PDB file of N, CA and C in Angstrom:
ATOM      1  N   MET A   1     102.807  92.911  97.504  1.00  0.00           N
ATOM      2  CA  MET A   1     101.787  93.743  98.128  1.00  0.00           C
ATOM      3  C   MET A   1     102.445  94.690  99.123  1.00  0.00           C
ATOM      4  N   LEU A   2     103.029  95.744  98.614  1.00  0.00           N
ATOM      5  CA  LEU A   2     103.634  96.780  99.451  1.00  0.00           C
ATOM      6  C   LEU A   2     104.757  96.212 100.327  1.00  0.00           C
ATOM      7  N   GLY A   3     105.553  95.316  99.758  1.00  0.00           N
ATOM      8  CA  GLY A   3     106.697  94.788 100.486  1.00  0.00           C
ATOM      9  C   GLY A   3     106.459  93.474 101.200  1.00  0.00           C
ATOM     10  N   LYS A   4     105.273  92.927 101.154  1.00  0.00           N
ATOM     11  CA  LYS A   4     104.955  91.626 101.753  1.00  0.00           C
ATOM     12  C   LYS A   4     104.338  90.741 100.680  1.00  0.00           C
ATOM     13  N   THR A   5     104.482  89.444 100.839  1.00  0.00           N
ATOM     14  CA  THR A   5     103.786  88.540  99.933  1.00  0.00           C
ATOM     15  C   THR A   5     102.384  88.308 100.471  1.00  0.00           C
ATOM     16  N   VAL A   6     101.497  87.912  99.598  1.00  0.00           N
ATOM     17  CA  VAL A   6     100.125  87.633 100.011  1.00  0.00           C
ATOM     18  C   VAL A   6     100.129  86.532 101.065  1.00  0.00           C
ATOM     19  N   SER A   7     100.982  85.521 100.892  1.00  0.00           N
ATOM     20  CA  SER A   7     101.024  84.418 101.863  1.00  0.00           C
ATOM     21  C   SER A   7     101.552  84.869 103.219  1.00  0.00           C
ATOM     22  N   ASP A   8     102.312  85.964 103.282  1.00  0.00           N
ATOM     23  CA  ASP A   8     102.716  86.532 104.574  1.00  0.00           C
ATOM     24  C   ASP A   8     101.517  87.115 105.316  1.00  0.00           C
ATOM     25  N   LEU A   9     100.551  87.613 104.570  1.00  0.00           N
ATOM     26  CA  LEU A   9      99.428  88.343 105.146  1.00  0.00           C
ATOM     27  C   LEU A   9      98.204  87.475 105.429  1.00  0.00           C
ATOM     28  N   GLN A  10      97.966  86.457 104.613  1.00  0.00           N
ATOM     29  CA  GLN A  10      96.680  85.761 104.703  1.00  0.00           C
ATOM     30  C   GLN A  10      96.765  84.346 104.152  1.00  0.00           C
ATOM     31  N   SER A  11      95.742  83.555 104.499  1.00  0.00           N
ATOM     32  CA  SER A  11      95.609  82.217 103.929  1.00  0.00           C
ATOM     33  C   SER A  11      94.121  81.885 103.775  1.00  0.00           C
ATOM     34  N   ASP A  12      93.843  81.034 102.821  1.00  0.00           N
ATOM     35  CA  ASP A  12      92.492  80.518 102.578  1.00  0.00           C
ATOM     36  C   ASP A  12      91.441  81.609 102.394  1.00  0.00           C
ATOM     37  N   VAL A  13      91.813  82.745 101.836  1.00  0.00           N
ATOM     38  CA  VAL A  13      90.850  83.825 101.621  1.00  0.00           C
ATOM     39  C   VAL A  13      89.991  83.496 100.403  1.00  0.00           C
ATOM     40  N   LYS A  14      88.687  83.578 100.594  1.00  0.00           N
ATOM     41  CA  LYS A  14      87.704  83.330  99.543  1.00  0.00           C
ATOM     42  C   LYS A  14      86.746  84.513  99.485  1.00  0.00           C
ATOM     43  N   VAL A  15      86.500  84.990  98.283  1.00  0.00           N
ATOM     44  CA  VAL A  15      85.563  86.091  98.076  1.00  0.00           C
ATOM     45  C   VAL A  15      84.285  85.509  97.484  1.00  0.00           C
ATOM     46  N   GLY A  16      83.188  85.676  98.195  1.00  0.00           N
ATOM     47  CA  GLY A  16      81.887  85.216  97.723  1.00  0.00           C
ATOM     48  C   GLY A  16      81.100  86.373  97.132  1.00  0.00           C
ATOM     49  N   SER A  17      79.830  86.155  96.900  1.00  0.00           N
ATOM     50  CA  SER A  17      79.004  87.200  96.295  1.00  0.00           C
ATOM     51  C   SER A  17      78.760  88.368  97.244  1.00  0.00           C
ATOM     52  N   ALA A  18      78.806  88.127  98.561  1.00  0.00           N
ATOM     53  CA  ALA A  18      78.550  89.207  99.526  1.00  0.00           C
ATOM     54  C   ALA A  18      79.422  89.091 100.773  1.00  0.00           C
ATOM     55  N   PHE A  19      80.432  88.245 100.730  1.00  0.00           N
ATOM     56  CA  PHE A  19      81.251  88.039 101.922  1.00  0.00           C
ATOM     57  C   PHE A  19      82.692  87.739 101.538  1.00  0.00           C
ATOM     58  N   ILE A  20      83.593  87.893 102.501  1.00  0.00           N
ATOM     59  CA  ILE A  20      84.984  87.485 102.355  1.00  0.00           C
ATOM     60  C   ILE A  20      85.326  86.669 103.590  1.00  0.00           C
ATOM     61  N   ASN A  21      85.827  85.455 103.378  1.00  0.00           N
ATOM     62  CA  ASN A  21      86.223  84.558 104.455  1.00  0.00           C
ATOM     63  C   ASN A  21      87.720  84.273 104.357  1.00  0.00           C
ATOM     64  N   GLY A  22      88.309  83.837 105.455  1.00  0.00           N
ATOM     65  CA  GLY A  22      89.704  83.426 105.430  1.00  0.00           C
ATOM     66  C   GLY A  22      90.412  83.767 106.722  1.00  0.00           C
ATOM     67  N   ASN A  23      91.724  83.598 106.697  1.00  0.00           N
ATOM     68  CA  ASN A  23      92.560  83.817 107.873  1.00  0.00           C
ATOM     69  C   ASN A  23      93.571  84.917 107.592  1.00  0.00           C
ATOM     70  N   LEU A  24      93.638  85.881 108.505  1.00  0.00           N
ATOM     71  CA  LEU A  24      94.603  86.965 108.371  1.00  0.00           C
ATOM     72  C   LEU A  24      95.668  86.814 109.448  1.00  0.00           C
ATOM     73  N   ALA A  25      96.917  86.739 109.031  1.00  0.00           N
ATOM     74  CA  ALA A  25      98.035  86.633 109.959  1.00  0.00           C
ATOM     75  C   ALA A  25      98.225  87.956 110.689  1.00  0.00           C
ATOM     76  N   TYR A  26      98.868  87.899 111.841  1.00  0.00           N
ATOM     77  CA  TYR A  26      99.242  89.140 112.526  1.00  0.00           C
ATOM     78  C   TYR A  26     100.614  89.517 112.004  1.00  0.00           C
ATOM     79  N   THR A  27     100.724  90.704 111.429  1.00  0.00           N
ATOM     80  CA  THR A  27     101.936  91.170 110.772  1.00  0.00           C
ATOM     81  C   THR A  27     102.503  92.359 111.530  1.00  0.00           C
ATOM     82  N   THR A  28     103.819  92.389 111.682  1.00  0.00           N
ATOM     83  CA  THR A  28     104.477  93.522 112.334  1.00  0.00           C
ATOM     84  C   THR A  28     105.490  94.153 111.380  1.00  0.00           C
ATOM     85  N   GLY A  29     105.841  95.384 111.644  1.00  0.00           N
ATOM     86  CA  GLY A  29     106.853  96.076 110.857  1.00  0.00           C
ATOM     87  C   GLY A  29     106.478  96.259 109.402  1.00  0.00           C
ATOM     88  N   TYR A  30     105.224  96.491 109.117  1.00  0.00           N
ATOM     89  CA  TYR A  30     104.747  96.609 107.744  1.00  0.00           C
ATOM     90  C   TYR A  30     104.887  98.061 107.283  1.00  0.00           C
ATOM     91  N   THR A  31     106.118  98.473 107.068  1.00  0.00           N
ATOM     92  CA  THR A  31     106.403  99.862 106.699  1.00  0.00           C
ATOM     93  C   THR A  31     105.918 100.194 105.290  1.00  0.00           C
ATOM     94  N   GLY A  32     105.772  99.202 104.425  1.00  0.00           N
ATOM     95  CA  GLY A  32     105.252  99.443 103.085  1.00  0.00           C
ATOM     96  C   GLY A  32     103.784  99.824 103.092  1.00  0.00           C
ATOM     97  N   PHE A  33     103.076  99.416 104.142  1.00  0.00           N
ATOM     98  CA  PHE A  33     101.650  99.750 104.252  1.00  0.00           C
ATOM     99  C   PHE A  33     101.477 101.194 104.704  1.00  0.00           C
ATOM    100  N   SER A  34     102.290 101.614 105.686  1.00  0.00           N
ATOM    101  CA  SER A  34     102.118 102.955 106.229  1.00  0.00           C
ATOM    102  C   SER A  34     103.409 103.467 106.845  1.00  0.00           C
ATOM    103  N   GLY A  35     103.622 104.756 106.742  1.00  0.00           N
ATOM    104  CA  GLY A  35     104.723 105.408 107.432  1.00  0.00           C
ATOM    105  C   GLY A  35     104.386 105.702 108.882  1.00  0.00           C
ATOM    106  N   ASN A  36     103.109 105.543 109.257  1.00  0.00           N
ATOM    107  CA  ASN A  36     102.649 105.763 110.623  1.00  0.00           C
ATOM    108  C   ASN A  36     102.912 104.486 111.417  1.00  0.00           C
ATOM    109  N   SER A  37     103.757 104.555 112.432  1.00  0.00           N
ATOM    110  CA  SER A  37     104.152 103.353 113.177  1.00  0.00           C
ATOM    111  C   SER A  37     102.956 102.638 113.808  1.00  0.00           C
ATOM    112  N   GLU A  38     101.894 103.356 114.140  1.00  0.00           N
ATOM    113  CA  GLU A  38     100.715 102.729 114.735  1.00  0.00           C
ATOM    114  C   GLU A  38      99.957 101.841 113.738  1.00  0.00           C
ATOM    115  N   LEU A  39     100.167 102.050 112.452  1.00  0.00           N
ATOM    116  CA  LEU A  39      99.464 101.276 111.423  1.00  0.00           C
ATOM    117  C   LEU A  39     100.332 100.183 110.805  1.00  0.00           C
ATOM    118  N   GLN A  40     101.536  99.960 111.341  1.00  0.00           N
ATOM    119  CA  GLN A  40     102.468  99.007 110.758  1.00  0.00           C
ATOM    120  C   GLN A  40     102.351  97.602 111.347  1.00  0.00           C
ATOM    121  N   SER A  41     101.430  97.412 112.274  1.00  0.00           N
ATOM    122  CA  SER A  41     101.186  96.090 112.851  1.00  0.00           C
ATOM    123  C   SER A  41      99.693  95.827 112.853  1.00  0.00           C
ATOM    124  N   GLY A  42      99.328  94.583 112.585  1.00  0.00           N
ATOM    125  CA  GLY A  42      97.919  94.219 112.612  1.00  0.00           C
ATOM    126  C   GLY A  42      97.616  93.130 111.616  1.00  0.00           C
ATOM    127  N   ASN A  43      96.357  93.033 111.256  1.00  0.00           N
ATOM    128  CA  ASN A  43      95.872  92.024 110.315  1.00  0.00           C
ATOM    129  C   ASN A  43      95.494  92.725 109.019  1.00  0.00           C
ATOM    130  N   TYR A  44      96.047  92.253 107.906  1.00  0.00           N
ATOM    131  CA  TYR A  44      95.881  92.925 106.626  1.00  0.00           C
ATOM    132  C   TYR A  44      95.262  91.981 105.609  1.00  0.00           C
ATOM    133  N   LEU A  45      94.323  92.507 104.839  1.00  0.00           N
ATOM    134  CA  LEU A  45      93.655  91.765 103.787  1.00  0.00           C
ATOM    135  C   LEU A  45      94.140  92.301 102.447  1.00  0.00           C
ATOM    136  N   ALA A  46      94.712  91.420 101.633  1.00  0.00           N
ATOM    137  CA  ALA A  46      95.200  91.801 100.304  1.00  0.00           C
ATOM    138  C   ALA A  46      94.206  91.292  99.258  1.00  0.00           C
ATOM    139  N   LEU A  47      93.785  92.178  98.382  1.00  0.00           N
ATOM    140  CA  LEU A  47      92.822  91.824  97.348  1.00  0.00           C
ATOM    141  C   LEU A  47      93.301  92.314  95.989  1.00  0.00           C
ATOM    142  N   LYS A  48      92.977  91.561  94.958  1.00  0.00           N
ATOM    143  CA  LYS A  48      93.242  91.959  93.576  1.00  0.00           C
ATOM    144  C   LYS A  48      91.895  92.031  92.874  1.00  0.00           C
ATOM    145  N   PHE A  49      91.627  93.143  92.232  1.00  0.00           N
ATOM    146  CA  PHE A  49      90.351  93.367  91.566  1.00  0.00           C
ATOM    147  C   PHE A  49      90.519  93.247  90.063  1.00  0.00           C
ATOM    148  N   GLU A  50      89.420  92.976  89.387  1.00  0.00           N
ATOM    149  CA  GLU A  50      89.401  92.914  87.928  1.00  0.00           C
ATOM    150  C   GLU A  50      88.270  93.780  87.409  1.00  0.00           C
ATOM    151  N   ALA A  51      88.553  94.495  86.347  1.00  0.00           N
ATOM    152  CA  ALA A  51      87.543  95.317  85.680  1.00  0.00           C
ATOM    153  C   ALA A  51      88.040  95.592  84.269  1.00  0.00           C
ATOM    154  N   THR A  52      87.141  96.035  83.416  1.00  0.00           N
ATOM    155  CA  THR A  52      87.564  96.384  82.061  1.00  0.00           C
ATOM    156  C   THR A  52      88.569  97.523  82.134  1.00  0.00           C
ATOM    157  N   GLU A  53      89.398  97.599  81.134  1.00  0.00           N
ATOM    158  CA  GLU A  53      90.504  98.552  81.125  1.00  0.00           C
ATOM    159  C   GLU A  53      90.054 100.007  81.282  1.00  0.00           C
ATOM    160  N   ASP A  54      88.904 100.345  80.767  1.00  0.00           N
ATOM    161  CA  ASP A  54      88.446 101.727  80.807  1.00  0.00           C
ATOM    162  C   ASP A  54      87.548 102.037  82.008  1.00  0.00           C
ATOM    163  N   ALA A  55      87.451 101.116  82.966  1.00  0.00           N
ATOM    164  CA  ALA A  55      86.636 101.334  84.159  1.00  0.00           C
ATOM    165  C   ALA A  55      87.486 101.907  85.293  1.00  0.00           C
ATOM    166  N   THR A  56      86.827 102.597  86.194  1.00  0.00           N
ATOM    167  CA  THR A  56      87.452 103.114  87.412  1.00  0.00           C
ATOM    168  C   THR A  56      86.911 102.300  88.576  1.00  0.00           C
ATOM    169  N   VAL A  57      87.821 101.818  89.441  1.00  0.00           N
ATOM    170  CA  VAL A  57      87.422 101.028  90.597  1.00  0.00           C
ATOM    171  C   VAL A  57      87.828 101.772  91.861  1.00  0.00           C
ATOM    172  N   THR A  58      86.865 101.974  92.758  1.00  0.00           N
ATOM    173  CA  THR A  58      87.171 102.568  94.056  1.00  0.00           C
ATOM    174  C   THR A  58      86.789 101.572  95.146  1.00  0.00           C
ATOM    175  N   VAL A  59      87.593 101.578  96.217  1.00  0.00           N
ATOM    176  CA  VAL A  59      87.391 100.659  97.334  1.00  0.00           C
ATOM    177  C   VAL A  59      87.361 101.483  98.613  1.00  0.00           C
ATOM    178  N   GLN A  60      86.430 101.146  99.503  1.00  0.00           N
ATOM    179  CA  GLN A  60      86.302 101.856 100.771  1.00  0.00           C
ATOM    180  C   GLN A  60      86.082 100.842 101.890  1.00  0.00           C
ATOM    181  N   LEU A  61      86.860 100.966 102.955  1.00  0.00           N
ATOM    182  CA  LEU A  61      86.669 100.153 104.151  1.00  0.00           C
ATOM    183  C   LEU A  61      85.695 100.892 105.057  1.00  0.00           C
ATOM    184  N   ILE A  62      84.526 100.315 105.255  1.00  0.00           N
ATOM    185  CA  ILE A  62      83.479 100.939 106.048  1.00  0.00           C
ATOM    186  C   ILE A  62      83.486 100.330 107.445  1.00  0.00           C
ATOM    187  N   GLY A  63      83.355 101.167 108.461  1.00  0.00           N
ATOM    188  CA  GLY A  63      83.287 100.678 109.826  1.00  0.00           C
ATOM    189  C   GLY A  63      84.605 100.702 110.562  1.00  0.00           C
ATOM    190  N   ALA A  64      85.642 101.235 109.935  1.00  0.00           N
ATOM    191  CA  ALA A  64      86.901 101.428 110.643  1.00  0.00           C
ATOM    192  C   ALA A  64      86.669 102.547 111.653  1.00  0.00           C
ATOM    193  N   LEU A  65      87.603 102.744 112.576  1.00  0.00           N
ATOM    194  CA  LEU A  65      87.437 103.808 113.563  1.00  0.00           C
ATOM    195  C   LEU A  65      87.116 105.124 112.873  1.00  0.00           C
ATOM    196  N   VAL A  66      87.837 105.395 111.829  1.00  0.00           N
ATOM    197  CA  VAL A  66      87.543 106.546 110.979  1.00  0.00           C
ATOM    198  C   VAL A  66      87.399 105.976 109.570  1.00  0.00           C
ATOM    199  N   THR A  67      86.209 106.047 109.022  1.00  0.00           N
ATOM    200  CA  THR A  67      85.999 105.508 107.683  1.00  0.00           C
ATOM    201  C   THR A  67      86.697 106.416 106.679  1.00  0.00           C
ATOM    202  N   PRO A  68      87.716 105.875 106.011  1.00  0.00           N
ATOM    203  CA  PRO A  68      88.437 106.705 105.037  1.00  0.00           C
ATOM    204  C   PRO A  68      87.601 106.928 103.781  1.00  0.00           C
ATOM    205  N   ASN A  69      87.997 107.912 103.019  1.00  0.00           N
ATOM    206  CA  ASN A  69      87.352 108.149 101.732  1.00  0.00           C
ATOM    207  C   ASN A  69      87.646 106.964 100.815  1.00  0.00           C
ATOM    208  N   PRO A  70      86.806 106.741  99.818  1.00  0.00           N
ATOM    209  CA  PRO A  70      87.106 105.680  98.855  1.00  0.00           C
ATOM    210  C   PRO A  70      88.454 105.937  98.187  1.00  0.00           C
ATOM    211  N   ILE A  71      89.170 104.853  97.916  1.00  0.00           N
ATOM    212  CA  ILE A  71      90.469 104.938  97.254  1.00  0.00           C
ATOM    213  C   ILE A  71      90.326 104.414  95.840  1.00  0.00           C
ATOM    214  N   GLU A  72      90.740 105.220  94.875  1.00  0.00           N
ATOM    215  CA  GLU A  72      90.709 104.796  93.480  1.00  0.00           C
ATOM    216  C   GLU A  72      91.937 103.944  93.212  1.00  0.00           C
ATOM    217  N   LEU A  73      91.714 102.743  92.686  1.00  0.00           N
ATOM    218  CA  LEU A  73      92.818 101.841  92.423  1.00  0.00           C
ATOM    219  C   LEU A  73      93.585 102.271  91.189  1.00  0.00           C
ATOM    220  N   ASP A  74      94.895 102.016  91.219  1.00  0.00           N
ATOM    221  CA  ASP A  74      95.708 102.299  90.045  1.00  0.00           C
ATOM    222  C   ASP A  74      95.689 101.082  89.128  1.00  0.00           C
ATOM    223  N   SER A  75      96.526 101.069  88.120  1.00  0.00           N
ATOM    224  CA  SER A  75      96.450 100.037  87.081  1.00  0.00           C
ATOM    225  C   SER A  75      96.763  98.632  87.578  1.00  0.00           C
ATOM    226  N   ASP A  76      97.468  98.481  88.721  1.00  0.00           N
ATOM    227  CA  ASP A  76      97.747  97.119  89.203  1.00  0.00           C
ATOM    228  C   ASP A  76      96.535  96.477  89.865  1.00  0.00           C
ATOM    229  N   MET A  77      95.531  97.283  90.226  1.00  0.00           N
ATOM    230  CA  MET A  77      94.254  96.820  90.786  1.00  0.00           C
ATOM    231  C   MET A  77      94.415  96.035  92.089  1.00  0.00           C
ATOM    232  N   ASN A  78      95.497  96.300  92.826  1.00  0.00           N
ATOM    233  CA  ASN A  78      95.731  95.660  94.116  1.00  0.00           C
ATOM    234  C   ASN A  78      95.347  96.594  95.243  1.00  0.00           C
ATOM    235  N   MET A  79      94.886  96.015  96.348  1.00  0.00           N
ATOM    236  CA  MET A  79      94.495  96.804  97.519  1.00  0.00           C
ATOM    237  C   MET A  79      94.839  96.013  98.769  1.00  0.00           C
ATOM    238  N   VAL A  80      95.415  96.694  99.756  1.00  0.00           N
ATOM    239  CA  VAL A  80      95.661  96.098 101.063  1.00  0.00           C
ATOM    240  C   VAL A  80      94.916  96.935 102.095  1.00  0.00           C
ATOM    241  N   LEU A  81      94.129  96.263 102.927  1.00  0.00           N
ATOM    242  CA  LEU A  81      93.336  96.940 103.952  1.00  0.00           C
ATOM    243  C   LEU A  81      93.694  96.378 105.321  1.00  0.00           C
ATOM    244  N   ARG A  82      93.799  97.238 106.314  1.00  0.00           N
ATOM    245  CA  ARG A  82      94.048  96.804 107.690  1.00  0.00           C
ATOM    246  C   ARG A  82      92.692  96.536 108.337  1.00  0.00           C
ATOM    247  N   ILE A  83      92.487  95.286 108.716  1.00  0.00           N
ATOM    248  CA  ILE A  83      91.211  94.855 109.281  1.00  0.00           C
ATOM    249  C   ILE A  83      91.367  94.752 110.799  1.00  0.00           C
ATOM    250  N   THR A  84      90.501  95.447 111.527  1.00  0.00           N
ATOM    251  CA  THR A  84      90.580  95.443 112.989  1.00  0.00           C
ATOM    252  C   THR A  84      89.349  94.844 113.657  1.00  0.00           C
ATOM    253  N   ASP A  85      88.208  94.864 112.963  1.00  0.00           N
ATOM    254  CA  ASP A  85      86.955  94.416 113.577  1.00  0.00           C
ATOM    255  C   ASP A  85      86.031  93.852 112.495  1.00  0.00           C
ATOM    256  N   PRO A  86      86.282  92.606 112.062  1.00  0.00           N
ATOM    257  CA  PRO A  86      85.506  92.068 110.941  1.00  0.00           C
ATOM    258  C   PRO A  86      84.004  91.998 111.184  1.00  0.00           C
ATOM    259  N   ALA A  87      83.588  91.930 112.429  1.00  0.00           N
ATOM    260  CA  ALA A  87      82.149  91.884 112.715  1.00  0.00           C
ATOM    261  C   ALA A  87      81.460  93.195 112.378  1.00  0.00           C
ATOM    262  N   ASN A  88      82.223  94.286 112.386  1.00  0.00           N
ATOM    263  CA  ASN A  88      81.637  95.610 112.157  1.00  0.00           C
ATOM    264  C   ASN A  88      82.216  96.347 110.954  1.00  0.00           C
ATOM    265  N   GLN A  89      83.095  95.712 110.207  1.00  0.00           N
ATOM    266  CA  GLN A  89      83.673  96.344 109.027  1.00  0.00           C
ATOM    267  C   GLN A  89      83.136  95.678 107.770  1.00  0.00           C
ATOM    268  N   LYS A  90      83.064  96.463 106.700  1.00  0.00           N
ATOM    269  CA  LYS A  90      82.645  95.982 105.387  1.00  0.00           C
ATOM    270  C   LYS A  90      83.539  96.644 104.349  1.00  0.00           C
ATOM    271  N   ILE A  91      83.575  96.059 103.185  1.00  0.00           N
ATOM    272  CA  ILE A  91      84.309  96.645 102.068  1.00  0.00           C
ATOM    273  C   ILE A  91      83.306  96.975 100.970  1.00  0.00           C
ATOM    274  N   LYS A  92      83.312  98.233 100.547  1.00  0.00           N
ATOM    275  CA  LYS A  92      82.446  98.684  99.458  1.00  0.00           C
ATOM    276  C   LYS A  92      83.307  98.898  98.220  1.00  0.00           C
ATOM    277  N   VAL A  93      82.873  98.292  97.119  1.00  0.00           N
ATOM    278  CA  VAL A  93      83.584  98.400  95.848  1.00  0.00           C
ATOM    279  C   VAL A  93      82.634  99.016  94.827  1.00  0.00           C
ATOM    280  N   VAL A  94      83.122 100.040  94.145  1.00  0.00           N
ATOM    281  CA  VAL A  94      82.328 100.698  93.098  1.00  0.00           C
ATOM    282  C   VAL A  94      83.129 100.664  91.805  1.00  0.00           C
ATOM    283  N   VAL A  95      82.514 100.132  90.759  1.00  0.00           N
ATOM    284  CA  VAL A  95      83.115 100.117  89.429  1.00  0.00           C
ATOM    285  C   VAL A  95      82.324 101.097  88.577  1.00  0.00           C
ATOM    286  N   SER A  96      83.025 102.090  88.039  1.00  0.00           N
ATOM    287  CA  SER A  96      82.382 103.142  87.246  1.00  0.00           C
ATOM    288  C   SER A  96      82.981 103.172  85.845  1.00  0.00           C
ATOM    289  N   LYS A  97      82.134 103.561  84.918  1.00  0.00           N
ATOM    290  CA  LYS A  97      82.586 103.721  83.534  1.00  0.00           C
ATOM    291  C   LYS A  97      81.808 104.874  82.932  1.00  0.00           C
ATOM    292  N   ASP A  98      82.505 105.751  82.274  1.00  0.00           N
ATOM    293  CA  ASP A  98      81.885 106.909  81.626  1.00  0.00           C
ATOM    294  C   ASP A  98      81.070 107.738  82.603  1.00  0.00           C
ATOM    295  N   GLY A  99      81.526 107.805  83.867  1.00  0.00           N
ATOM    296  CA  GLY A  99      80.858 108.629  84.865  1.00  0.00           C
ATOM    297  C   GLY A  99      79.657 107.979  85.530  1.00  0.00           C
ATOM    298  N   TYR A 100      79.344 106.742  85.171  1.00  0.00           N
ATOM    299  CA  TYR A 100      78.203 106.049  85.767  1.00  0.00           C
ATOM    300  C   TYR A 100      78.691 104.900  86.650  1.00  0.00           C
ATOM    301  N   GLU A 101      78.024 104.717  87.794  1.00  0.00           N
ATOM    302  CA  GLU A 101      78.339 103.593  88.664  1.00  0.00           C
ATOM    303  C   GLU A 101      77.681 102.352  88.081  1.00  0.00           C
ATOM    304  N   ASP A 102      78.485 101.495  87.470  1.00  0.00           N
ATOM    305  CA  ASP A 102      77.960 100.293  86.825  1.00  0.00           C
ATOM    306  C   ASP A 102      77.760  99.152  87.812  1.00  0.00           C
ATOM    307  N   LEU A 103      78.549  99.138  88.871  1.00  0.00           N
ATOM    308  CA  LEU A 103      78.475  98.047  89.833  1.00  0.00           C
ATOM    309  C   LEU A 103      78.852  98.575  91.201  1.00  0.00           C
ATOM    310  N   VAL A 104      78.023  98.301  92.190  1.00  0.00           N
ATOM    311  CA  VAL A 104      78.319  98.641  93.581  1.00  0.00           C
ATOM    312  C   VAL A 104      78.115  97.363  94.388  1.00  0.00           C
ATOM    313  N   LYS A 105      79.165  96.906  95.054  1.00  0.00           N
ATOM    314  CA  LYS A 105      79.084  95.690  95.867  1.00  0.00           C
ATOM    315  C   LYS A 105      79.633  95.990  97.248  1.00  0.00           C
ATOM    316  N   THR A 106      78.986  95.427  98.260  1.00  0.00           N
ATOM    317  CA  THR A 106      79.465  95.541  99.637  1.00  0.00           C
ATOM    318  C   THR A 106      79.688  94.131 100.159  1.00  0.00           C
ATOM    319  N   TYR A 107      80.870  93.911 100.708  1.00  0.00           N
ATOM    320  CA  TYR A 107      81.253  92.592 101.213  1.00  0.00           C
ATOM    321  C   TYR A 107      81.332  92.613 102.733  1.00  0.00           C
ATOM    322  N   ARG A 108      80.669  91.654 103.374  1.00  0.00           N
ATOM    323  CA  ARG A 108      80.784  91.462 104.820  1.00  0.00           C
ATOM    324  C   ARG A 108      82.085  90.722 105.105  1.00  0.00           C
ATOM    325  N   LEU A 109      82.682  91.011 106.254  1.00  0.00           N
ATOM    326  CA  LEU A 109      83.960  90.419 106.629  1.00  0.00           C
ATOM    327  C   LEU A 109      83.850  89.484 107.821  1.00  0.00           C
ATOM    328  N   THR A 110      82.630  89.135 108.211  1.00  0.00           N
ATOM    329  CA  THR A 110      82.434  88.334 109.419  1.00  0.00           C
ATOM    330  C   THR A 110      83.096  86.963 109.341  1.00  0.00           C
ATOM    331  N   GLY A 111      83.424  86.495 108.151  1.00  0.00           N
ATOM    332  CA  GLY A 111      84.098  85.207 108.006  1.00  0.00           C
ATOM    333  C   GLY A 111      85.600  85.276 108.095  1.00  0.00           C
ATOM    334  N   LEU A 112      86.160  86.459 108.337  1.00  0.00           N
ATOM    335  CA  LEU A 112      87.610  86.575 108.481  1.00  0.00           C
ATOM    336  C   LEU A 112      88.010  86.253 109.916  1.00  0.00           C
ATOM    337  N   LYS A 113      89.057  85.474 110.066  1.00  0.00           N
ATOM    338  CA  LYS A 113      89.602  85.162 111.387  1.00  0.00           C
ATOM    339  C   LYS A 113      90.939  85.894 111.510  1.00  0.00           C
ATOM    340  N   LEU A 114      91.062  86.690 112.574  1.00  0.00           N
ATOM    341  CA  LEU A 114      92.270  87.478 112.799  1.00  0.00           C
ATOM    342  C   LEU A 114      93.183  86.779 113.793  1.00  0.00           C
ATOM    343  N   ALA A 115      94.412  86.517 113.377  1.00  0.00           N
ATOM    344  CA  ALA A 115      95.400  85.953 114.305  1.00  0.00           C
ATOM    345  C   ALA A 115      95.779  87.024 115.328  1.00  0.00           C
ATOM    346  N   ALA A 116      96.027  86.609 116.532  1.00  0.00           N
ATOM    347  CA  ALA A 116      96.414  87.539 117.600  1.00  0.00           C
ATOM    348  C   ALA A 116      97.904  87.828 117.530  1.00  0.00           C
ATOM    349  N   ALA A 117      98.286  88.948 118.118  1.00  0.00           N
ATOM    350  CA  ALA A 117      99.702  89.299 118.221  1.00  0.00           C
ATOM    351  C   ALA A 117     100.397  88.255 119.079  1.00  0.00           C
ATOM    352  N   THR A 118     101.618  87.930 118.711  1.00  0.00           N
ATOM    353  CA  THR A 118     102.367  86.945 119.502  1.00  0.00           C
ATOM    354  C   THR A 118     103.448  87.611 120.314  1.00  0.00           C
TER     355      THR A 118
END
């Protein structure tokens, strides 16, 4: 996952029908995540998505300081997100096929526990 193993980033992560729970480690020096030094430390959630081969999957972290545009996943279907405020952040996933949104899911992150910087 961009130079880190999933176990370096998180433990006991479970994805439910509308929530994501688990523990996110505090990670430093994560240059594979970002070239911006301010984004290279923090708590990161690594997810792997599944969809039919001909579907397009976009993921958006909602509630970040600046909500980024949705990111279209490439063929590996992996995504790493920097989580700063699970009480106020959500993840929106859209699966599209033939130009139609076939599935839209939003996951609450209130069950994520963020380890503090040491």
